[in-house]
ModelCIF file with pLDDT and N, C-alpha, C, O atoms, coordinates in Angstrom:
data_MODEL
#
_entry.id   MODEL 
#
_entity.id                         1 
_entity.type                       polymer 
_entity.pdbx_number_of_molecules   1 
#
_entity_poly.entity_id                      1 
_entity_poly.type                           'polypeptide(L)' 
_entity_poly.nstd_linkage                   no 
_entity_poly.nstd_monomer                   no 
_entity_poly.pdbx_seq_one_letter_code       AEHDFGSFEFAGRKFFFKIDYFDAAMEFGSEDPADPAKTTRVLTI 
_entity_poly.pdbx_seq_one_letter_code_can   AEHDFGSFEFAGRKFFFKIDYFDAAMEFGSEDPADPAKTTRVLTI 
_entity_poly.pdbx_strand_id                 A 
#
loop_
_entity_poly_seq.entity_id 
_entity_poly_seq.num 
_entity_poly_seq.mon_id 
_entity_poly_seq.hetero 
1 1  ALA n 
1 2  GLU n 
1 3  HIS n 
1 4  ASP n 
1 5  PHE n 
1 6  GLY n 
1 7  SER n 
1 8  PHE n 
1 9  GLU n 
1 10 PHE n 
1 11 ALA n 
1 12 GLY n 
1 13 ARG n 
1 14 LYS n 
1 15 PHE n 
1 16 PHE n 
1 17 PHE n 
1 18 LYS n 
1 19 ILE n 
1 20 ASP n 
1 21 TYR n 
1 22 PHE n 
1 23 ASP n 
1 24 ALA n 
1 25 ALA n 
1 26 MET n 
1 27 GLU n 
1 28 PHE n 
1 29 GLY n 
1 30 SER n 
1 31 GLU n 
1 32 ASP n 
1 33 PRO n 
1 34 ALA n 
1 35 ASP n 
1 36 PRO n 
1 37 ALA n 
1 38 LYS n 
1 39 THR n 
1 40 THR n 
1 41 ARG n 
1 42 VAL n 
1 43 LEU n 
1 44 THR n 
1 45 ILE n 
#
_struct_asym.id          A 
_struct_asym.entity_id   1 
#
loop_
_ma_qa_metric.id 
_ma_qa_metric.mode 
_ma_qa_metric.name 
_ma_qa_metric.software_group_id 
_ma_qa_metric.type 
1 global pLDDT . pLDDT 
2 local  pLDDT . pLDDT 
#
_ma_qa_metric_global.metric_id      1 
_ma_qa_metric_global.metric_value   96.58 
_ma_qa_metric_global.model_id       1 
_ma_qa_metric_global.ordinal_id     1 
#
loop_
_ma_qa_metric_local.label_asym_id 
_ma_qa_metric_local.label_comp_id 
_ma_qa_metric_local.label_seq_id 
_ma_qa_metric_local.metric_id 
_ma_qa_metric_local.metric_value 
_ma_qa_metric_local.model_id 
_ma_qa_metric_local.ordinal_id 
A ALA 1  2 96.00 1 1  
A GLU 2  2 97.00 1 2  
A HIS 3  2 97.00 1 3  
A ASP 4  2 97.00 1 4  
A PHE 5  2 96.00 1 5  
A GLY 6  2 95.00 1 6  
A SER 7  2 95.00 1 7  
A PHE 8  2 96.00 1 8  
A GLU 9  2 96.00 1 9  
A PHE 10 2 96.00 1 10 
A ALA 11 2 95.00 1 11 
A GLY 12 2 96.00 1 12 
A ARG 13 2 97.00 1 13 
A LYS 14 2 97.00 1 14 
A PHE 15 2 98.00 1 15 
A PHE 16 2 97.00 1 16 
A PHE 17 2 97.00 1 17 
A LYS 18 2 97.00 1 18 
A ILE 19 2 98.00 1 19 
A ASP 20 2 98.00 1 20 
A TYR 21 2 98.00 1 21 
A PHE 22 2 98.00 1 22 
A ASP 23 2 97.00 1 23 
A ALA 24 2 92.00 1 24 
A ALA 25 2 94.00 1 25 
A MET 26 2 96.00 1 26 
A GLU 27 2 97.00 1 27 
A PHE 28 2 98.00 1 28 
A GLY 29 2 97.00 1 29 
A SER 30 2 97.00 1 30 
A GLU 31 2 96.00 1 31 
A ASP 32 2 96.00 1 32 
A PRO 33 2 97.00 1 33 
A ALA 34 2 96.00 1 34 
A ASP 35 2 96.00 1 35 
A PRO 36 2 95.00 1 36 
A ALA 37 2 95.00 1 37 
A LYS 38 2 95.00 1 38 
A THR 39 2 97.00 1 39 
A THR 40 2 98.00 1 40 
A ARG 41 2 98.00 1 41 
A VAL 42 2 98.00 1 42 
A LEU 43 2 98.00 1 43 
A THR 44 2 98.00 1 44 
A ILE 45 2 98.00 1 45 
#
loop_
_atom_site.group_PDB 
_atom_site.id 
_atom_site.type_symbol 
_atom_site.label_atom_id 
_atom_site.label_alt_id 
_atom_site.label_comp_id 
_atom_site.label_asym_id 
_atom_site.label_entity_id 
_atom_site.label_seq_id 
_atom_site.pdbx_PDB_ins_code 
_atom_site.Cartn_x 
_atom_site.Cartn_y 
_atom_site.Cartn_z 
_atom_site.occupancy 
_atom_site.B_iso_or_equiv 
_atom_site.pdbx_formal_charge 
_atom_site.auth_seq_id 
_atom_site.auth_comp_id 
_atom_site.auth_asym_id 
_atom_site.auth_atom_id 
_atom_site.pdbx_PDB_model_num 
ATOM 1   N N  . ALA A 1 1  ? 27.574 -35.149 14.917 1.00 96.00 ? 1  ALA A N  1 
ATOM 2   C CA . ALA A 1 1  ? 27.750 -35.329 13.464 1.00 96.00 ? 1  ALA A CA 1 
ATOM 3   C C  . ALA A 1 1  ? 26.932 -34.319 12.663 1.00 96.00 ? 1  ALA A C  1 
ATOM 4   O O  . ALA A 1 1  ? 26.342 -34.656 11.636 1.00 96.00 ? 1  ALA A O  1 
ATOM 5   N N  . GLU A 1 2  ? 26.903 -33.068 13.150 1.00 97.00 ? 2  GLU A N  1 
ATOM 6   C CA . GLU A 1 2  ? 26.145 -32.022 12.469 1.00 97.00 ? 2  GLU A CA 1 
ATOM 7   C C  . GLU A 1 2  ? 27.038 -30.974 11.795 1.00 97.00 ? 2  GLU A C  1 
ATOM 8   O O  . GLU A 1 2  ? 26.533 -30.089 11.106 1.00 97.00 ? 2  GLU A O  1 
ATOM 9   N N  . HIS A 1 3  ? 28.348 -31.064 11.985 1.00 97.00 ? 3  HIS A N  1 
ATOM 10  C CA . HIS A 1 3  ? 29.299 -30.110 11.385 1.00 97.00 ? 3  HIS A CA 1 
ATOM 11  C C  . HIS A 1 3  ? 28.934 -28.662 11.727 1.00 97.00 ? 3  HIS A C  1 
ATOM 12  O O  . HIS A 1 3  ? 28.978 -27.776 10.873 1.00 97.00 ? 3  HIS A O  1 
ATOM 13  N N  . ASP A 1 4  ? 28.575 -28.447 12.991 1.00 97.00 ? 4  ASP A N  1 
ATOM 14  C CA . ASP A 1 4  ? 28.143 -27.115 13.425 1.00 97.00 ? 4  ASP A CA 1 
ATOM 15  C C  . ASP A 1 4  ? 29.192 -26.361 14.240 1.00 97.00 ? 4  ASP A C  1 
ATOM 16  O O  . ASP A 1 4  ? 28.924 -25.264 14.732 1.00 97.00 ? 4  ASP A O  1 
ATOM 17  N N  . PHE A 1 5  ? 30.374 -26.937 14.384 1.00 96.00 ? 5  PHE A N  1 
ATOM 18  C CA . PHE A 1 5  ? 31.453 -26.290 15.123 1.00 96.00 ? 5  PHE A CA 1 
ATOM 19  C C  . PHE A 1 5  ? 32.772 -26.783 14.564 1.00 96.00 ? 5  PHE A C  1 
ATOM 20  O O  . PHE A 1 5  ? 32.895 -27.941 14.164 1.00 96.00 ? 5  PHE A O  1 
ATOM 21  N N  . GLY A 1 6  ? 33.756 -25.899 14.537 1.00 95.00 ? 6  GLY A N  1 
ATOM 22  C CA . GLY A 1 6  ? 35.079 -26.315 14.103 1.00 95.00 ? 6  GLY A CA 1 
ATOM 23  C C  . GLY A 1 6  ? 36.133 -25.389 14.667 1.00 95.00 ? 6  GLY A C  1 
ATOM 24  O O  . GLY A 1 6  ? 35.843 -24.264 15.074 1.00 95.00 ? 6  GLY A O  1 
ATOM 25  N N  . SER A 1 7  ? 37.357 -25.876 14.684 1.00 95.00 ? 7  SER A N  1 
ATOM 26  C CA . SER A 1 7  ? 38.478 -25.058 15.130 1.00 95.00 ? 7  SER A CA 1 
ATOM 27  C C  . SER A 1 7  ? 39.682 -25.366 14.258 1.00 95.00 ? 7  SER A C  1 
ATOM 28  O O  . SER A 1 7  ? 39.824 -26.465 13.721 1.00 95.00 ? 7  SER A O  1 
ATOM 29  N N  . PHE A 1 8  ? 40.539 -24.370 14.134 1.00 96.00 ? 8  PHE A N  1 
ATOM 30  C CA . PHE A 1 8  ? 41.761 -24.540 13.346 1.00 96.00 ? 8  PHE A CA 1 
ATOM 31  C C  . PHE A 1 8  ? 42.729 -23.427 13.717 1.00 96.00 ? 8  PHE A C  1 
ATOM 32  O O  . PHE A 1 8  ? 42.349 -22.425 14.322 1.00 96.00 ? 8  PHE A O  1 
ATOM 33  N N  . GLU A 1 9  ? 43.969 -23.621 13.346 1.00 96.00 ? 9  GLU A N  1 
ATOM 34  C CA . GLU A 1 9  ? 44.980 -22.591 13.557 1.00 96.00 ? 9  GLU A CA 1 
ATOM 35  C C  . GLU A 1 9  ? 45.392 -22.032 12.216 1.00 96.00 ? 9  GLU A C  1 
ATOM 36  O O  . GLU A 1 9  ? 45.519 -22.757 11.229 1.00 96.00 ? 9  GLU A O  1 
ATOM 37  N N  . PHE A 1 10 ? 45.599 -20.723 12.198 1.00 96.00 ? 10 PHE A N  1 
ATOM 38  C CA . PHE A 1 10 ? 46.039 -20.040 10.986 1.00 96.00 ? 10 PHE A CA 1 
ATOM 39  C C  . PHE A 1 10 ? 46.770 -18.764 11.391 1.00 96.00 ? 10 PHE A C  1 
ATOM 40  O O  . PHE A 1 10 ? 46.329 -18.050 12.292 1.00 96.00 ? 10 PHE A O  1 
ATOM 41  N N  . ALA A 1 11 ? 47.859 -18.487 10.740 1.00 95.00 ? 11 ALA A N  1 
ATOM 42  C CA . ALA A 1 11 ? 48.643 -17.270 10.980 1.00 95.00 ? 11 ALA A CA 1 
ATOM 43  C C  . ALA A 1 11 ? 48.990 -17.112 12.461 1.00 95.00 ? 11 ALA A C  1 
ATOM 44  O O  . ALA A 1 11 ? 48.996 -16.003 12.994 1.00 95.00 ? 11 ALA A O  1 
ATOM 45  N N  . GLY A 1 12 ? 49.277 -18.234 13.110 1.00 96.00 ? 12 GLY A N  1 
ATOM 46  C CA . GLY A 1 12 ? 49.668 -18.191 14.509 1.00 96.00 ? 12 GLY A CA 1 
ATOM 47  C C  . GLY A 1 12 ? 48.540 -17.953 15.493 1.00 96.00 ? 12 GLY A C  1 
ATOM 48  O O  . GLY A 1 12 ? 48.794 -17.706 16.672 1.00 96.00 ? 12 GLY A O  1 
ATOM 49  N N  . ARG A 1 13 ? 47.287 -18.023 15.030 1.00 97.00 ? 13 ARG A N  1 
ATOM 50  C CA . ARG A 1 13 ? 46.125 -17.794 15.895 1.00 97.00 ? 13 ARG A CA 1 
ATOM 51  C C  . ARG A 1 13 ? 45.192 -18.999 15.822 1.00 97.00 ? 13 ARG A C  1 
ATOM 52  O O  . ARG A 1 13 ? 45.159 -19.713 14.819 1.00 97.00 ? 13 ARG A O  1 
ATOM 53  N N  . LYS A 1 14 ? 44.449 -19.211 16.876 1.00 97.00 ? 14 LYS A N  1 
ATOM 54  C CA . LYS A 1 14 ? 43.444 -20.271 16.885 1.00 97.00 ? 14 LYS A CA 1 
ATOM 55  C C  . LYS A 1 14 ? 42.082 -19.645 16.636 1.00 97.00 ? 14 LYS A C  1 
ATOM 56  O O  . LYS A 1 14 ? 41.727 -18.635 17.243 1.00 97.00 ? 14 LYS A O  1 
ATOM 57  N N  . PHE A 1 15 ? 41.318 -20.265 15.726 1.00 98.00 ? 15 PHE A N  1 
ATOM 58  C CA . PHE A 1 15 ? 39.997 -19.779 15.344 1.00 98.00 ? 15 PHE A CA 1 
ATOM 59  C C  . PHE A 1 15 ? 38.955 -20.844 15.631 1.00 98.00 ? 15 PHE A C  1 
ATOM 60  O O  . PHE A 1 15 ? 39.236 -22.041 15.584 1.00 98.00 ? 15 PHE A O  1 
ATOM 61  N N  . PHE A 1 16 ? 37.747 -20.386 15.928 1.00 97.00 ? 16 PHE A N  1 
ATOM 62  C CA . PHE A 1 16 ? 36.571 -21.244 16.049 1.00 97.00 ? 16 PHE A CA 1 
ATOM 63  C C  . PHE A 1 16 ? 35.517 -20.731 15.080 1.00 97.00 ? 16 PHE A C  1 
ATOM 64  O O  . PHE A 1 16 ? 35.489 -19.551 14.732 1.00 97.00 ? 16 PHE A O  1 
ATOM 65  N N  . PHE A 1 17 ? 34.653 -21.643 14.654 1.00 97.00 ? 17 PHE A N  1 
ATOM 66  C CA . PHE A 1 17 ? 33.414 -21.219 14.008 1.00 97.00 ? 17 PHE A CA 1 
ATOM 67  C C  . PHE A 1 17 ? 32.304 -22.052 14.602 1.00 97.00 ? 17 PHE A C  1 
ATOM 68  O O  . PHE A 1 17 ? 32.524 -23.179 15.045 1.00 97.00 ? 17 PHE A O  1 
ATOM 69  N N  . LYS A 1 18 ? 31.111 -21.493 14.610 1.00 97.00 ? 18 LYS A N  1 
ATOM 70  C CA . LYS A 1 18 ? 29.945 -22.236 15.085 1.00 97.00 ? 18 LYS A CA 1 
ATOM 71  C C  . LYS A 1 18 ? 28.730 -21.811 14.282 1.00 97.00 ? 18 LYS A C  1 
ATOM 72  O O  . LYS A 1 18 ? 28.632 -20.678 13.810 1.00 97.00 ? 18 LYS A O  1 
ATOM 73  N N  . ILE A 1 19 ? 27.821 -22.741 14.143 1.00 98.00 ? 19 ILE A N  1 
ATOM 74  C CA . ILE A 1 19 ? 26.560 -22.465 13.453 1.00 98.00 ? 19 ILE A CA 1 
ATOM 75  C C  . ILE A 1 19 ? 25.443 -22.592 14.481 1.00 98.00 ? 19 ILE A C  1 
ATOM 76  O O  . ILE A 1 19 ? 25.314 -23.610 15.161 1.00 98.00 ? 19 ILE A O  1 
ATOM 77  N N  . ASP A 1 20 ? 24.642 -21.542 14.578 1.00 98.00 ? 20 ASP A N  1 
ATOM 78  C CA . ASP A 1 20 ? 23.470 -21.545 15.450 1.00 98.00 ? 20 ASP A CA 1 
ATOM 79  C C  . ASP A 1 20 ? 22.222 -21.546 14.588 1.00 98.00 ? 20 ASP A C  1 
ATOM 80  O O  . ASP A 1 20 ? 22.252 -21.144 13.426 1.00 98.00 ? 20 ASP A O  1 
ATOM 81  N N  . TYR A 1 21 ? 21.125 -22.004 15.173 1.00 98.00 ? 21 TYR A N  1 
ATOM 82  C CA . TYR A 1 21 ? 19.865 -22.159 14.446 1.00 98.00 ? 21 TYR A CA 1 
ATOM 83  C C  . TYR A 1 21 ? 18.786 -21.288 15.086 1.00 98.00 ? 21 TYR A C  1 
ATOM 84  O O  . TYR A 1 21 ? 18.434 -21.477 16.250 1.00 98.00 ? 21 TYR A O  1 
ATOM 85  N N  . PHE A 1 22 ? 18.270 -20.341 14.320 1.00 98.00 ? 22 PHE A N  1 
ATOM 86  C CA . PHE A 1 22 ? 17.209 -19.466 14.796 1.00 98.00 ? 22 PHE A CA 1 
ATOM 87  C C  . PHE A 1 22 ? 15.948 -19.696 13.983 1.00 98.00 ? 22 PHE A C  1 
ATOM 88  O O  . PHE A 1 22 ? 15.993 -20.252 12.886 1.00 98.00 ? 22 PHE A O  1 
ATOM 89  N N  . ASP A 1 23 ? 14.819 -19.261 14.535 1.00 97.00 ? 23 ASP A N  1 
ATOM 90  C CA . ASP A 1 23 ? 13.582 -19.331 13.765 1.00 97.00 ? 23 ASP A CA 1 
ATOM 91  C C  . ASP A 1 23 ? 13.677 -18.324 12.611 1.00 97.00 ? 23 ASP A C  1 
ATOM 92  O O  . ASP A 1 23 ? 14.612 -17.525 12.560 1.00 97.00 ? 23 ASP A O  1 
ATOM 93  N N  . ALA A 1 24 ? 12.726 -18.364 11.704 1.00 92.00 ? 24 ALA A N  1 
ATOM 94  C CA . ALA A 1 24 ? 12.769 -17.509 10.507 1.00 92.00 ? 24 ALA A CA 1 
ATOM 95  C C  . ALA A 1 24 ? 12.776 -16.028 10.859 1.00 92.00 ? 24 ALA A C  1 
ATOM 96  O O  . ALA A 1 24 ? 13.349 -15.225 10.123 1.00 92.00 ? 24 ALA A O  1 
ATOM 97  N N  . ALA A 1 25 ? 12.147 -15.648 11.977 1.00 94.00 ? 25 ALA A N  1 
ATOM 98  C CA . ALA A 1 25 ? 12.091 -14.250 12.391 1.00 94.00 ? 25 ALA A CA 1 
ATOM 99  C C  . ALA A 1 25 ? 13.323 -13.826 13.194 1.00 94.00 ? 25 ALA A C  1 
ATOM 100 O O  . ALA A 1 25 ? 13.447 -12.658 13.562 1.00 94.00 ? 25 ALA A O  1 
ATOM 101 N N  . MET A 1 26 ? 14.216 -14.747 13.461 1.00 96.00 ? 26 MET A N  1 
ATOM 102 C CA . MET A 1 26 ? 15.435 -14.477 14.240 1.00 96.00 ? 26 MET A CA 1 
ATOM 103 C C  . MET A 1 26 ? 15.113 -14.012 15.668 1.00 96.00 ? 26 MET A C  1 
ATOM 104 O O  . MET A 1 26 ? 15.833 -13.194 16.239 1.00 96.00 ? 26 MET A O  1 
ATOM 105 N N  . GLU A 1 27 ? 14.032 -14.539 16.229 1.00 97.00 ? 27 GLU A N  1 
ATOM 106 C CA . GLU A 1 27 ? 13.653 -14.176 17.591 1.00 97.00 ? 27 GLU A CA 1 
ATOM 107 C C  . GLU A 1 27 ? 13.952 -15.276 18.590 1.00 97.00 ? 27 GLU A C  1 
ATOM 108 O O  . GLU A 1 27 ? 14.263 -14.993 19.747 1.00 97.00 ? 27 GLU A O  1 
ATOM 109 N N  . PHE A 1 28 ? 13.861 -16.531 18.158 1.00 98.00 ? 28 PHE A N  1 
ATOM 110 C CA . PHE A 1 28 ? 14.015 -17.678 19.046 1.00 98.00 ? 28 PHE A CA 1 
ATOM 111 C C  . PHE A 1 28 ? 14.853 -18.735 18.342 1.00 98.00 ? 28 PHE A C  1 
ATOM 112 O O  . PHE A 1 28 ? 15.187 -18.598 17.165 1.00 98.00 ? 28 PHE A O  1 
ATOM 113 N N  . GLY A 1 29 ? 15.185 -19.777 19.070 1.00 97.00 ? 29 GLY A N  1 
ATOM 114 C CA . GLY A 1 29 ? 15.854 -20.907 18.454 1.00 97.00 ? 29 GLY A CA 1 
ATOM 115 C C  . GLY A 1 29 ? 14.903 -21.626 17.516 1.00 97.00 ? 29 GLY A C  1 
ATOM 116 O O  . GLY A 1 29 ? 13.689 -21.616 17.719 1.00 97.00 ? 29 GLY A O  1 
ATOM 117 N N  . SER A 1 30 ? 15.457 -22.248 16.495 1.00 97.00 ? 30 SER A N  1 
ATOM 118 C CA . SER A 1 30 ? 14.633 -22.991 15.543 1.00 97.00 ? 30 SER A CA 1 
ATOM 119 C C  . SER A 1 30 ? 14.068 -24.238 16.203 1.00 97.00 ? 30 SER A C  1 
ATOM 120 O O  . SER A 1 30 ? 14.760 -24.924 16.955 1.00 97.00 ? 30 SER A O  1 
ATOM 121 N N  . GLU A 1 31 ? 12.817 -24.520 15.917 1.00 96.00 ? 31 GLU A N  1 
ATOM 122 C CA . GLU A 1 31 ? 12.214 -25.751 16.448 1.00 96.00 ? 31 GLU A CA 1 
ATOM 123 C C  . GLU A 1 31 ? 12.649 -26.972 15.651 1.00 96.00 ? 31 GLU A C  1 
ATOM 124 O O  . GLU A 1 31 ? 12.511 -28.096 16.134 1.00 96.00 ? 31 GLU A O  1 
ATOM 125 N N  . ASP A 1 32 ? 13.171 -26.783 14.441 1.00 96.00 ? 32 ASP A N  1 
ATOM 126 C CA . ASP A 1 32 ? 13.624 -27.908 13.624 1.00 96.00 ? 32 ASP A CA 1 
ATOM 127 C C  . ASP A 1 32 ? 14.744 -27.485 12.675 1.00 96.00 ? 32 ASP A C  1 
ATOM 128 O O  . ASP A 1 32 ? 14.470 -27.089 11.543 1.00 96.00 ? 32 ASP A O  1 
ATOM 129 N N  . PRO A 1 33 ? 16.004 -27.563 13.118 1.00 97.00 ? 33 PRO A N  1 
ATOM 130 C CA . PRO A 1 33 ? 17.126 -27.158 12.264 1.00 97.00 ? 33 PRO A CA 1 
ATOM 131 C C  . PRO A 1 33 ? 17.260 -27.959 10.970 1.00 97.00 ? 33 PRO A C  1 
ATOM 132 O O  . PRO A 1 33 ? 18.001 -27.556 10.073 1.00 97.00 ? 33 PRO A O  1 
ATOM 133 N N  . ALA A 1 34 ? 16.561 -29.074 10.862 1.00 96.00 ? 34 ALA A N  1 
ATOM 134 C CA . ALA A 1 34 ? 16.594 -29.861 9.628  1.00 96.00 ? 34 ALA A CA 1 
ATOM 135 C C  . ALA A 1 34 ? 15.633 -29.314 8.574  1.00 96.00 ? 34 ALA A C  1 
ATOM 136 O O  . ALA A 1 34 ? 15.643 -29.763 7.428  1.00 96.00 ? 34 ALA A O  1 
ATOM 137 N N  . ASP A 1 35 ? 14.810 -28.349 8.960  1.00 96.00 ? 35 ASP A N  1 
ATOM 138 C CA . ASP A 1 35 ? 13.842 -27.758 8.035  1.00 96.00 ? 35 ASP A CA 1 
ATOM 139 C C  . ASP A 1 35 ? 14.268 -26.340 7.686  1.00 96.00 ? 35 ASP A C  1 
ATOM 140 O O  . ASP A 1 35 ? 14.136 -25.436 8.511  1.00 96.00 ? 35 ASP A O  1 
ATOM 141 N N  . PRO A 1 36 ? 14.783 -26.129 6.460  1.00 95.00 ? 36 PRO A N  1 
ATOM 142 C CA . PRO A 1 36 ? 15.262 -24.786 6.112  1.00 95.00 ? 36 PRO A CA 1 
ATOM 143 C C  . PRO A 1 36 ? 14.157 -23.729 6.083  1.00 95.00 ? 36 PRO A C  1 
ATOM 144 O O  . PRO A 1 36 ? 14.451 -22.539 6.200  1.00 95.00 ? 36 PRO A O  1 
ATOM 145 N N  . ALA A 1 37 ? 12.908 -24.129 5.932  1.00 95.00 ? 37 ALA A N  1 
ATOM 146 C CA . ALA A 1 37 ? 11.804 -23.168 5.948  1.00 95.00 ? 37 ALA A CA 1 
ATOM 147 C C  . ALA A 1 37 ? 11.556 -22.621 7.354  1.00 95.00 ? 37 ALA A C  1 
ATOM 148 O O  . ALA A 1 37 ? 10.979 -21.545 7.510  1.00 95.00 ? 37 ALA A O  1 
ATOM 149 N N  . LYS A 1 38 ? 11.987 -23.356 8.366  1.00 95.00 ? 38 LYS A N  1 
ATOM 150 C CA . LYS A 1 38 ? 11.782 -22.941 9.757  1.00 95.00 ? 38 LYS A CA 1 
ATOM 151 C C  . LYS A 1 38 ? 13.056 -22.436 10.412 1.00 95.00 ? 38 LYS A C  1 
ATOM 152 O O  . LYS A 1 38 ? 13.052 -22.114 11.601 1.00 95.00 ? 38 LYS A O  1 
ATOM 153 N N  . THR A 1 39 ? 14.151 -22.360 9.657  1.00 97.00 ? 39 THR A N  1 
ATOM 154 C CA . THR A 1 39 ? 15.453 -22.105 10.271 1.00 97.00 ? 39 THR A CA 1 
ATOM 155 C C  . THR A 1 39 ? 16.256 -21.055 9.519  1.00 97.00 ? 39 THR A C  1 
ATOM 156 O O  . THR A 1 39 ? 16.357 -21.087 8.292  1.00 97.00 ? 39 THR A O  1 
ATOM 157 N N  . THR A 1 40 ? 16.820 -20.131 10.271 1.00 98.00 ? 40 THR A N  1 
ATOM 158 C CA . THR A 1 40 ? 17.842 -19.221 9.756  1.00 98.00 ? 40 THR A CA 1 
ATOM 159 C C  . THR A 1 40 ? 19.154 -19.629 10.401 1.00 98.00 ? 40 THR A C  1 
ATOM 160 O O  . THR A 1 40 ? 19.289 -19.577 11.624 1.00 98.00 ? 40 THR A O  1 
ATOM 161 N N  . ARG A 1 41 ? 20.115 -20.031 9.596  1.00 98.00 ? 41 ARG A N  1 
ATOM 162 C CA . ARG A 1 41 ? 21.425 -20.424 10.101 1.00 98.00 ? 41 ARG A CA 1 
ATOM 163 C C  . ARG A 1 41 ? 22.299 -19.181 10.253 1.00 98.00 ? 41 ARG A C  1 
ATOM 164 O O  . ARG A 1 41 ? 22.293 -18.290 9.403  1.00 98.00 ? 41 ARG A O  1 
ATOM 165 N N  . VAL A 1 42 ? 23.048 -19.141 11.350 1.00 98.00 ? 42 VAL A N  1 
ATOM 166 C CA . VAL A 1 42 ? 23.997 -18.053 11.590 1.00 98.00 ? 42 VAL A CA 1 
ATOM 167 C C  . VAL A 1 42 ? 25.348 -18.687 11.891 1.00 98.00 ? 42 VAL A C  1 
ATOM 168 O O  . VAL A 1 42 ? 25.510 -19.400 12.882 1.00 98.00 ? 42 VAL A O  1 
ATOM 169 N N  . LEU A 1 43 ? 26.302 -18.419 11.029 1.00 98.00 ? 43 LEU A N  1 
ATOM 170 C CA . LEU A 1 43 ? 27.662 -18.911 11.200 1.00 98.00 ? 43 LEU A CA 1 
ATOM 171 C C  . LEU A 1 43 ? 28.494 -17.765 11.768 1.00 98.00 ? 43 LEU A C  1 
ATOM 172 O O  . LEU A 1 43 ? 28.555 -16.684 11.182 1.00 98.00 ? 43 LEU A O  1 
ATOM 173 N N  . THR A 1 44 ? 29.130 -18.004 12.904 1.00 98.00 ? 44 THR A N  1 
ATOM 174 C CA . THR A 1 44 ? 29.979 -16.999 13.540 1.00 98.00 ? 44 THR A CA 1 
ATOM 175 C C  . THR A 1 44 ? 31.407 -17.488 13.531 1.00 98.00 ? 44 THR A C  1 
ATOM 176 O O  . THR A 1 44 ? 31.699 -18.604 13.962 1.00 98.00 ? 44 THR A O  1 
ATOM 177 N N  . ILE A 1 45 ? 32.305 -16.636 13.031 1.00 98.00 ? 45 ILE A N  1 
ATOM 178 C CA . ILE A 1 45 ? 33.739 -16.930 13.001 1.00 98.00 ? 45 ILE A CA 1 
ATOM 179 C C  . ILE A 1 45 ? 34.396 -16.051 14.063 1.00 98.00 ? 45 ILE A C  1 
ATOM 180 O O  . ILE A 1 45 ? 35.612 -16.106 14.244 1.00 98.00 ? 45 ILE A O  1 
#
């Protein structure tokens, strides 16, 4: 229930998106994705 992944079809193609959580420096995973001060969100389509 985090809305961090989705899929859909459009123009005859299937697409995915996902959201990953990195630390503020973008070096490691975030230790707390619920804290925006500690997290950089990356959405990939």
